Amino acid sequence: MSLASLGRKFTNISANWPGSTHDSHIFNTSNLCHYLETNNRGLADGLILGDSGYACRPFLMTPYLNPRERHQQRFNRAHSSTRSIIERAFGILKRRFHVLHSEVRMKPEKVCRVCRVFGACAVLHNIALTRNEPLEDVCGVHV
């Protein structure tokens, strides 16, 4: 489960769960969720957008489940468009680090190593964005 800013930088990563674990469960048990609930407030810079698998909270906006009204449909379109930032962030991350393109098979006792690799890739991705490093394809050509 990850959060990304409008600039496609990763701002929160929880990579210590199996891939089959639902993001909402990971979020509900995260330090970030606990912090936001304990302090009974939203984020200073905005809100977290989640899909319909999450429960709506003061700090977490989810789409309408069955939007009937026009304003609800517009909200859902805007929500989906804004939430696509995380998908684009993952797309850039995977283009930058090809090791993330496929499933990493590892012995159960080595799984934490995969989590560290993902975290390291995300940190390097953020640094590359900060430094305006261009994406390169496999042959070293700028994309």
N, C-alpha and C. Protein backbone atom coordinates (compact mmCIF):
# COMPACT_ATOMS: atom_id res chain seq x y z
N MET A 1 0.86 -1.16 0.00
CA MET A 1 0.00 0.00 0.00
C MET A 1 0.90 1.22 0.00
N SER A 2 0.62 2.14 -0.87
CA SER A 2 1.45 3.34 -1.00
C SER A 2 0.58 4.56 -1.22
N LEU A 3 1.12 5.70 -0.82
CA LEU A 3 0.52 6.99 -1.11
C LEU A 3 1.50 7.76 -1.98
N ALA A 4 0.97 8.59 -2.87
CA ALA A 4 1.82 9.42 -3.71
C ALA A 4 1.26 10.83 -3.75
N SER A 5 2.16 11.79 -3.91
CA SER A 5 1.78 13.19 -4.01
C SER A 5 1.37 13.51 -5.45
N LEU A 6 0.87 14.72 -5.66
CA LEU A 6 0.51 15.15 -7.01
C LEU A 6 1.71 15.10 -7.95
N GLY A 7 2.92 15.27 -7.40
CA GLY A 7 4.14 15.21 -8.19
C GLY A 7 4.62 13.79 -8.43
N ARG A 8 3.82 12.79 -8.07
CA ARG A 8 4.11 11.36 -8.26
C ARG A 8 5.25 10.85 -7.40
N LYS A 9 5.54 11.56 -6.31
CA LYS A 9 6.53 11.07 -5.34
C LYS A 9 5.79 10.22 -4.32
N PHE A 10 6.44 9.15 -3.90
CA PHE A 10 5.85 8.29 -2.88
C PHE A 10 6.04 8.96 -1.52
N THR A 11 4.94 9.12 -0.80
CA THR A 11 4.98 9.79 0.51
C THR A 11 4.78 8.82 1.66
N ASN A 12 4.28 7.63 1.37
CA ASN A 12 4.09 6.62 2.41
C ASN A 12 4.08 5.26 1.73
N ILE A 13 4.84 4.33 2.28
CA ILE A 13 4.92 2.99 1.71
C ILE A 13 4.80 1.97 2.84
N SER A 14 3.95 0.99 2.63
CA SER A 14 3.88 -0.14 3.54
C SER A 14 4.07 -1.38 2.69
N ALA A 15 5.29 -1.88 2.64
CA ALA A 15 5.64 -2.98 1.74
C ALA A 15 5.93 -4.27 2.49
N ASN A 16 5.43 -4.40 3.69
CA ASN A 16 5.76 -5.59 4.48
C ASN A 16 4.59 -6.57 4.60
N TRP A 17 3.72 -6.58 3.59
CA TRP A 17 2.59 -7.50 3.56
C TRP A 17 2.63 -8.29 2.26
N PRO A 18 2.08 -9.50 2.24
CA PRO A 18 2.01 -10.25 0.98
C PRO A 18 1.15 -9.50 -0.03
N GLY A 19 1.41 -9.70 -1.30
CA GLY A 19 0.67 -9.03 -2.37
C GLY A 19 -0.81 -9.32 -2.37
N SER A 20 -1.23 -10.42 -1.77
CA SER A 20 -2.65 -10.79 -1.75
C SER A 20 -3.44 -10.03 -0.68
N THR A 21 -2.75 -9.31 0.21
CA THR A 21 -3.43 -8.58 1.28
C THR A 21 -4.08 -7.33 0.71
N HIS A 22 -5.34 -7.09 1.04
CA HIS A 22 -6.05 -5.93 0.51
C HIS A 22 -5.46 -4.64 1.08
N ASP A 23 -5.36 -3.63 0.23
CA ASP A 23 -4.79 -2.35 0.63
C ASP A 23 -5.51 -1.73 1.83
N SER A 24 -6.83 -1.90 1.90
CA SER A 24 -7.56 -1.30 3.01
C SER A 24 -7.16 -1.92 4.34
N HIS A 25 -6.89 -3.21 4.36
CA HIS A 25 -6.43 -3.87 5.60
C HIS A 25 -5.04 -3.35 5.98
N ILE A 26 -4.18 -3.22 4.99
CA ILE A 26 -2.83 -2.70 5.25
C ILE A 26 -2.94 -1.29 5.82
N PHE A 27 -3.78 -0.46 5.20
CA PHE A 27 -3.94 0.92 5.68
C PHE A 27 -4.53 0.94 7.09
N ASN A 28 -5.56 0.14 7.33
CA ASN A 28 -6.22 0.14 8.64
C ASN A 28 -5.29 -0.26 9.77
N THR A 29 -4.27 -1.04 9.47
CA THR A 29 -3.32 -1.48 10.50
C THR A 29 -2.01 -0.68 10.46
N SER A 30 -1.97 0.37 9.65
CA SER A 30 -0.73 1.14 9.49
C SER A 30 -0.56 2.19 10.58
N ASN A 31 0.68 2.60 10.75
CA ASN A 31 0.99 3.69 11.68
C ASN A 31 0.34 4.99 11.22
N LEU A 32 0.27 5.20 9.90
CA LEU A 32 -0.34 6.42 9.38
C LEU A 32 -1.81 6.49 9.77
N CYS A 33 -2.55 5.42 9.58
CA CYS A 33 -3.97 5.39 9.94
C CYS A 33 -4.14 5.61 11.44
N HIS A 34 -3.33 4.92 12.22
CA HIS A 34 -3.39 5.08 13.67
C HIS A 34 -3.13 6.53 14.07
N TYR A 35 -2.14 7.15 13.46
CA TYR A 35 -1.81 8.55 13.75
C TYR A 35 -2.99 9.46 13.42
N LEU A 36 -3.57 9.28 12.24
CA LEU A 36 -4.67 10.14 11.82
C LEU A 36 -5.90 9.94 12.70
N GLU A 37 -6.17 8.71 13.10
CA GLU A 37 -7.31 8.46 13.99
C GLU A 37 -7.06 8.98 15.39
N THR A 38 -5.85 8.79 15.90
CA THR A 38 -5.51 9.23 17.26
C THR A 38 -5.57 10.74 17.39
N ASN A 39 -5.09 11.43 16.38
CA ASN A 39 -5.08 12.88 16.42
C ASN A 39 -6.40 13.49 15.96
N ASN A 40 -7.34 12.60 15.55
CA ASN A 40 -8.69 13.02 15.19
C ASN A 40 -8.71 14.21 14.24
N ARG A 41 -7.90 14.11 13.20
CA ARG A 41 -7.87 15.20 12.22
C ARG A 41 -7.43 14.66 10.87
N GLY A 42 -7.62 15.46 9.87
CA GLY A 42 -7.17 15.11 8.53
C GLY A 42 -5.73 15.51 8.33
N LEU A 43 -5.28 15.37 7.12
CA LEU A 43 -3.92 15.77 6.79
C LEU A 43 -3.87 17.28 6.61
N ALA A 44 -2.77 17.88 6.99
CA ALA A 44 -2.62 19.33 6.88
C ALA A 44 -2.68 19.78 5.42
N ASP A 45 -2.15 18.98 4.52
CA ASP A 45 -2.08 19.37 3.11
C ASP A 45 -3.20 18.83 2.26
N GLY A 46 -4.17 18.16 2.83
CA GLY A 46 -5.26 17.64 2.02
C GLY A 46 -5.83 16.36 2.56
N LEU A 47 -6.27 15.51 1.65
CA LEU A 47 -6.93 14.26 2.00
C LEU A 47 -6.28 13.11 1.28
N ILE A 48 -6.53 11.92 1.77
CA ILE A 48 -6.13 10.70 1.08
C ILE A 48 -7.33 10.25 0.26
N LEU A 49 -7.09 9.85 -0.97
CA LEU A 49 -8.16 9.30 -1.81
C LEU A 49 -8.00 7.80 -1.88
N GLY A 50 -9.07 7.09 -1.60
CA GLY A 50 -9.04 5.64 -1.66
C GLY A 50 -10.15 5.12 -2.57
N ASP A 51 -10.02 3.88 -2.98
CA ASP A 51 -11.07 3.29 -3.81
C ASP A 51 -12.22 2.84 -2.91
N SER A 52 -13.22 2.23 -3.52
CA SER A 52 -14.43 1.87 -2.78
C SER A 52 -14.21 0.74 -1.77
N GLY A 53 -13.03 0.14 -1.76
CA GLY A 53 -12.70 -0.89 -0.77
C GLY A 53 -12.37 -0.31 0.59
N TYR A 54 -12.20 0.99 0.66
CA TYR A 54 -11.88 1.67 1.92
C TYR A 54 -13.14 2.26 2.52
N ALA A 55 -13.12 2.45 3.84
CA ALA A 55 -14.21 3.14 4.52
C ALA A 55 -13.92 4.64 4.47
N CYS A 56 -14.95 5.43 4.19
CA CYS A 56 -14.79 6.88 4.16
C CYS A 56 -14.56 7.38 5.59
N ARG A 57 -13.57 8.26 5.76
CA ARG A 57 -13.23 8.82 7.07
C ARG A 57 -12.94 10.30 6.89
N PRO A 58 -12.79 11.05 7.98
CA PRO A 58 -12.50 12.48 7.84
C PRO A 58 -11.23 12.77 7.02
N PHE A 59 -10.30 11.86 7.00
CA PHE A 59 -9.04 12.06 6.30
C PHE A 59 -8.92 11.21 5.03
N LEU A 60 -9.96 10.43 4.72
CA LEU A 60 -9.92 9.50 3.59
C LEU A 60 -11.23 9.59 2.80
N MET A 61 -11.14 10.09 1.58
CA MET A 61 -12.33 10.22 0.73
C MET A 61 -12.41 9.04 -0.23
N THR A 62 -13.60 8.48 -0.33
CA THR A 62 -13.84 7.36 -1.24
C THR A 62 -14.96 7.76 -2.21
N PRO A 63 -15.07 7.06 -3.33
CA PRO A 63 -16.14 7.41 -4.28
C PRO A 63 -17.51 6.97 -3.77
N TYR A 64 -18.54 7.57 -4.35
CA TYR A 64 -19.90 7.12 -4.07
C TYR A 64 -20.05 5.71 -4.64
N LEU A 65 -20.69 4.82 -3.89
CA LEU A 65 -20.85 3.45 -4.35
C LEU A 65 -21.82 3.33 -5.52
N ASN A 66 -22.96 3.98 -5.43
CA ASN A 66 -23.96 3.96 -6.51
C ASN A 66 -24.39 5.39 -6.80
N PRO A 67 -23.58 6.12 -7.52
CA PRO A 67 -23.91 7.54 -7.74
C PRO A 67 -25.15 7.70 -8.62
N ARG A 68 -26.16 8.31 -8.05
CA ARG A 68 -27.40 8.53 -8.80
C ARG A 68 -27.51 9.97 -9.26
N GLU A 69 -27.08 10.85 -8.42
CA GLU A 69 -27.17 12.28 -8.73
C GLU A 69 -26.00 12.70 -9.62
N ARG A 70 -26.24 13.73 -10.42
CA ARG A 70 -25.22 14.22 -11.34
C ARG A 70 -23.96 14.68 -10.60
N HIS A 71 -24.13 15.38 -9.47
CA HIS A 71 -22.96 15.86 -8.73
C HIS A 71 -22.15 14.70 -8.15
N GLN A 72 -22.81 13.60 -7.81
CA GLN A 72 -22.10 12.42 -7.32
C GLN A 72 -21.29 11.77 -8.44
N GLN A 73 -21.86 11.74 -9.63
CA GLN A 73 -21.15 11.19 -10.78
C GLN A 73 -19.94 12.05 -11.13
N ARG A 74 -20.11 13.37 -11.08
CA ARG A 74 -18.98 14.28 -11.34
C ARG A 74 -17.90 14.09 -10.29
N PHE A 75 -18.31 13.96 -9.03
CA PHE A 75 -17.34 13.72 -7.96
C PHE A 75 -16.56 12.44 -8.23
N ASN A 76 -17.25 11.37 -8.58
CA ASN A 76 -16.57 10.10 -8.84
C ASN A 76 -15.59 10.20 -10.00
N ARG A 77 -15.95 10.95 -11.06
CA ARG A 77 -15.02 11.13 -12.18
C ARG A 77 -13.78 11.89 -11.74
N ALA A 78 -13.98 12.97 -10.99
CA ALA A 78 -12.85 13.77 -10.50
C ALA A 78 -12.00 12.94 -9.53
N HIS A 79 -12.65 12.18 -8.69
CA HIS A 79 -11.95 11.32 -7.73
C HIS A 79 -11.09 10.30 -8.47
N SER A 80 -11.66 9.65 -9.46
CA SER A 80 -10.94 8.64 -10.24
C SER A 80 -9.76 9.26 -10.98
N SER A 81 -9.98 10.42 -11.56
CA SER A 81 -8.92 11.10 -12.29
C SER A 81 -7.76 11.47 -11.37
N THR A 82 -8.08 11.97 -10.20
CA THR A 82 -7.04 12.36 -9.24
C THR A 82 -6.35 11.13 -8.67
N ARG A 83 -7.10 10.08 -8.40
CA ARG A 83 -6.52 8.87 -7.84
C ARG A 83 -5.60 8.15 -8.82
N SER A 84 -5.74 8.45 -10.09
CA SER A 84 -4.87 7.81 -11.08
C SER A 84 -3.41 8.24 -10.93
N ILE A 85 -3.15 9.25 -10.14
CA ILE A 85 -1.77 9.69 -9.88
C ILE A 85 -0.95 8.55 -9.31
N ILE A 86 -1.52 7.78 -8.41
CA ILE A 86 -0.77 6.67 -7.81
C ILE A 86 -0.46 5.61 -8.87
N GLU A 87 -1.39 5.38 -9.79
CA GLU A 87 -1.13 4.42 -10.87
C GLU A 87 0.00 4.90 -11.76
N ARG A 88 0.00 6.20 -12.07
CA ARG A 88 1.09 6.75 -12.89
C ARG A 88 2.41 6.70 -12.14
N ALA A 89 2.38 6.95 -10.83
CA ALA A 89 3.62 6.87 -10.03
C ALA A 89 4.19 5.46 -10.08
N PHE A 90 3.33 4.45 -9.95
CA PHE A 90 3.80 3.07 -10.04
C PHE A 90 4.31 2.75 -11.44
N GLY A 91 3.65 3.28 -12.46
CA GLY A 91 4.11 3.06 -13.83
C GLY A 91 5.51 3.61 -14.06
N ILE A 92 5.76 4.81 -13.57
CA ILE A 92 7.09 5.42 -13.69
C ILE A 92 8.10 4.61 -12.89
N LEU A 93 7.72 4.21 -11.69
CA LEU A 93 8.62 3.42 -10.84
C LEU A 93 9.02 2.13 -11.54
N LYS A 94 8.06 1.44 -12.14
CA LYS A 94 8.35 0.17 -12.82
C LYS A 94 9.18 0.39 -14.09
N ARG A 95 8.98 1.52 -14.77
CA ARG A 95 9.81 1.81 -15.94
C ARG A 95 11.23 2.14 -15.53
N ARG A 96 11.37 2.77 -14.39
CA ARG A 96 12.70 3.16 -13.92
C ARG A 96 13.47 1.97 -13.35
N PHE A 97 12.76 1.04 -12.72
CA PHE A 97 13.40 -0.11 -12.06
C PHE A 97 12.76 -1.39 -12.58
N HIS A 98 13.38 -1.99 -13.54
CA HIS A 98 12.81 -3.16 -14.23
C HIS A 98 12.67 -4.38 -13.32
N VAL A 99 13.39 -4.40 -12.21
CA VAL A 99 13.26 -5.52 -11.27
C VAL A 99 11.82 -5.61 -10.74
N LEU A 100 11.08 -4.51 -10.80
CA LEU A 100 9.71 -4.48 -10.29
C LEU A 100 8.67 -4.92 -11.32
N HIS A 101 9.10 -5.28 -12.52
CA HIS A 101 8.16 -5.66 -13.58
C HIS A 101 7.49 -7.00 -13.33
N SER A 102 8.15 -7.88 -12.62
CA SER A 102 7.58 -9.22 -12.45
C SER A 102 7.62 -9.62 -10.98
N GLU A 103 6.97 -10.71 -10.71
CA GLU A 103 6.94 -11.25 -9.35
C GLU A 103 8.35 -11.65 -8.94
N VAL A 104 8.72 -11.28 -7.74
CA VAL A 104 10.03 -11.65 -7.20
C VAL A 104 9.82 -12.89 -6.34
N ARG A 105 10.38 -13.99 -6.78
CA ARG A 105 10.24 -15.25 -6.02
C ARG A 105 11.41 -15.37 -5.06
N MET A 106 11.06 -15.64 -3.81
CA MET A 106 12.08 -15.72 -2.79
C MET A 106 11.60 -16.63 -1.67
N LYS A 107 12.52 -17.23 -0.97
CA LYS A 107 12.17 -18.07 0.17
C LYS A 107 11.46 -17.20 1.22
N PRO A 108 10.50 -17.78 1.94
CA PRO A 108 9.75 -17.01 2.93
C PRO A 108 10.63 -16.25 3.93
N GLU A 109 11.74 -16.83 4.32
CA GLU A 109 12.59 -16.15 5.29
C GLU A 109 13.34 -14.95 4.69
N LYS A 110 13.28 -14.80 3.37
CA LYS A 110 13.97 -13.69 2.69
C LYS A 110 13.00 -12.62 2.19
N VAL A 111 11.71 -12.75 2.51
CA VAL A 111 10.70 -11.82 2.00
C VAL A 111 11.00 -10.39 2.41
N CYS A 112 11.51 -10.17 3.60
CA CYS A 112 11.79 -8.80 4.04
C CYS A 112 12.80 -8.13 3.12
N ARG A 113 13.63 -8.91 2.45
CA ARG A 113 14.59 -8.35 1.50
C ARG A 113 13.85 -7.73 0.30
N VAL A 114 12.79 -8.38 -0.16
CA VAL A 114 11.99 -7.85 -1.26
C VAL A 114 11.37 -6.51 -0.84
N CYS A 115 10.88 -6.45 0.39
CA CYS A 115 10.29 -5.21 0.90
C CYS A 115 11.31 -4.09 0.90
N ARG A 116 12.53 -4.39 1.30
CA ARG A 116 13.59 -3.38 1.31
C ARG A 116 13.96 -2.95 -0.10
N VAL A 117 13.96 -3.88 -1.05
CA VAL A 117 14.25 -3.53 -2.44
C VAL A 117 13.19 -2.57 -2.96
N PHE A 118 11.92 -2.87 -2.71
CA PHE A 118 10.85 -1.98 -3.16
C PHE A 118 10.99 -0.61 -2.52
N GLY A 119 11.23 -0.57 -1.22
CA GLY A 119 11.40 0.70 -0.53
C GLY A 119 12.57 1.50 -1.08
N ALA A 120 13.68 0.82 -1.35
CA ALA A 120 14.85 1.49 -1.90
C ALA A 120 14.54 2.05 -3.29
N CYS A 121 13.83 1.29 -4.10
CA CYS A 121 13.45 1.77 -5.44
C CYS A 121 12.57 3.01 -5.33
N ALA A 122 11.64 3.02 -4.39
CA ALA A 122 10.76 4.18 -4.21
C ALA A 122 11.54 5.41 -3.76
N VAL A 123 12.50 5.23 -2.86
CA VAL A 123 13.33 6.35 -2.41
C VAL A 123 14.15 6.90 -3.57
N LEU A 124 14.77 6.00 -4.34
CA LEU A 124 15.57 6.43 -5.49
C LEU A 124 14.68 7.11 -6.55
N HIS A 125 13.48 6.62 -6.71
CA HIS A 125 12.50 7.24 -7.62
C HIS A 125 12.23 8.68 -7.19
N ASN A 126 11.98 8.88 -5.89
CA ASN A 126 11.72 10.23 -5.38
C ASN A 126 12.92 11.14 -5.61
N ILE A 127 14.13 10.63 -5.38
CA ILE A 127 15.34 11.42 -5.61
C ILE A 127 15.45 11.78 -7.08
N ALA A 128 15.19 10.81 -7.96
CA ALA A 128 15.26 11.07 -9.40
C ALA A 128 14.25 12.15 -9.82
N LEU A 129 13.05 12.12 -9.26
CA LEU A 129 12.06 13.15 -9.57
C LEU A 129 12.51 14.51 -9.07
N THR A 130 13.06 14.54 -7.86
CA THR A 130 13.55 15.80 -7.30
C THR A 130 14.65 16.41 -8.17
N ARG A 131 15.50 15.54 -8.70
CA ARG A 131 16.63 16.00 -9.52
C ARG A 131 16.27 16.09 -11.01
N ASN A 132 15.00 15.85 -11.33
CA ASN A 132 14.54 15.89 -12.73
C ASN A 132 15.33 14.94 -13.63
N GLU A 133 15.65 13.78 -13.10
CA GLU A 133 16.37 12.77 -13.89
C GLU A 133 15.41 12.18 -14.91
N PRO A 134 15.80 12.13 -16.18
CA PRO A 134 14.90 11.57 -17.19
C PRO A 134 14.82 10.06 -17.08
N LEU A 135 13.69 9.53 -17.53
CA LEU A 135 13.55 8.08 -17.63
C LEU A 135 14.36 7.61 -18.83
N GLU A 136 14.96 6.46 -18.71
CA GLU A 136 15.69 5.88 -19.84
C GLU A 136 15.14 4.50 -20.11
N ASP A 137 15.10 4.14 -21.38
CA ASP A 137 14.67 2.78 -21.67
C ASP A 137 15.86 1.84 -21.52
N VAL A 138 15.68 0.59 -21.83
CA VAL A 138 16.71 -0.42 -21.62
C VAL A 138 18.00 -0.10 -22.37
N CYS A 139 17.89 0.55 -23.53
CA CYS A 139 19.08 0.83 -24.34
C CYS A 139 19.74 2.15 -23.97
N GLY A 140 19.28 2.81 -22.92
CA GLY A 140 19.88 4.06 -22.50
C GLY A 140 19.36 5.28 -23.24
N VAL A 141 18.26 5.12 -23.98
CA VAL A 141 17.67 6.23 -24.73
C VAL A 141 16.63 6.90 -23.84
N HIS A 142 16.63 8.23 -23.81
CA HIS A 142 15.66 8.96 -22.99
C HIS A 142 14.25 8.73 -23.52
N VAL A 143 13.33 8.51 -22.61
CA VAL A 143 11.93 8.27 -22.98
C VAL A 143 11.14 9.54 -22.74
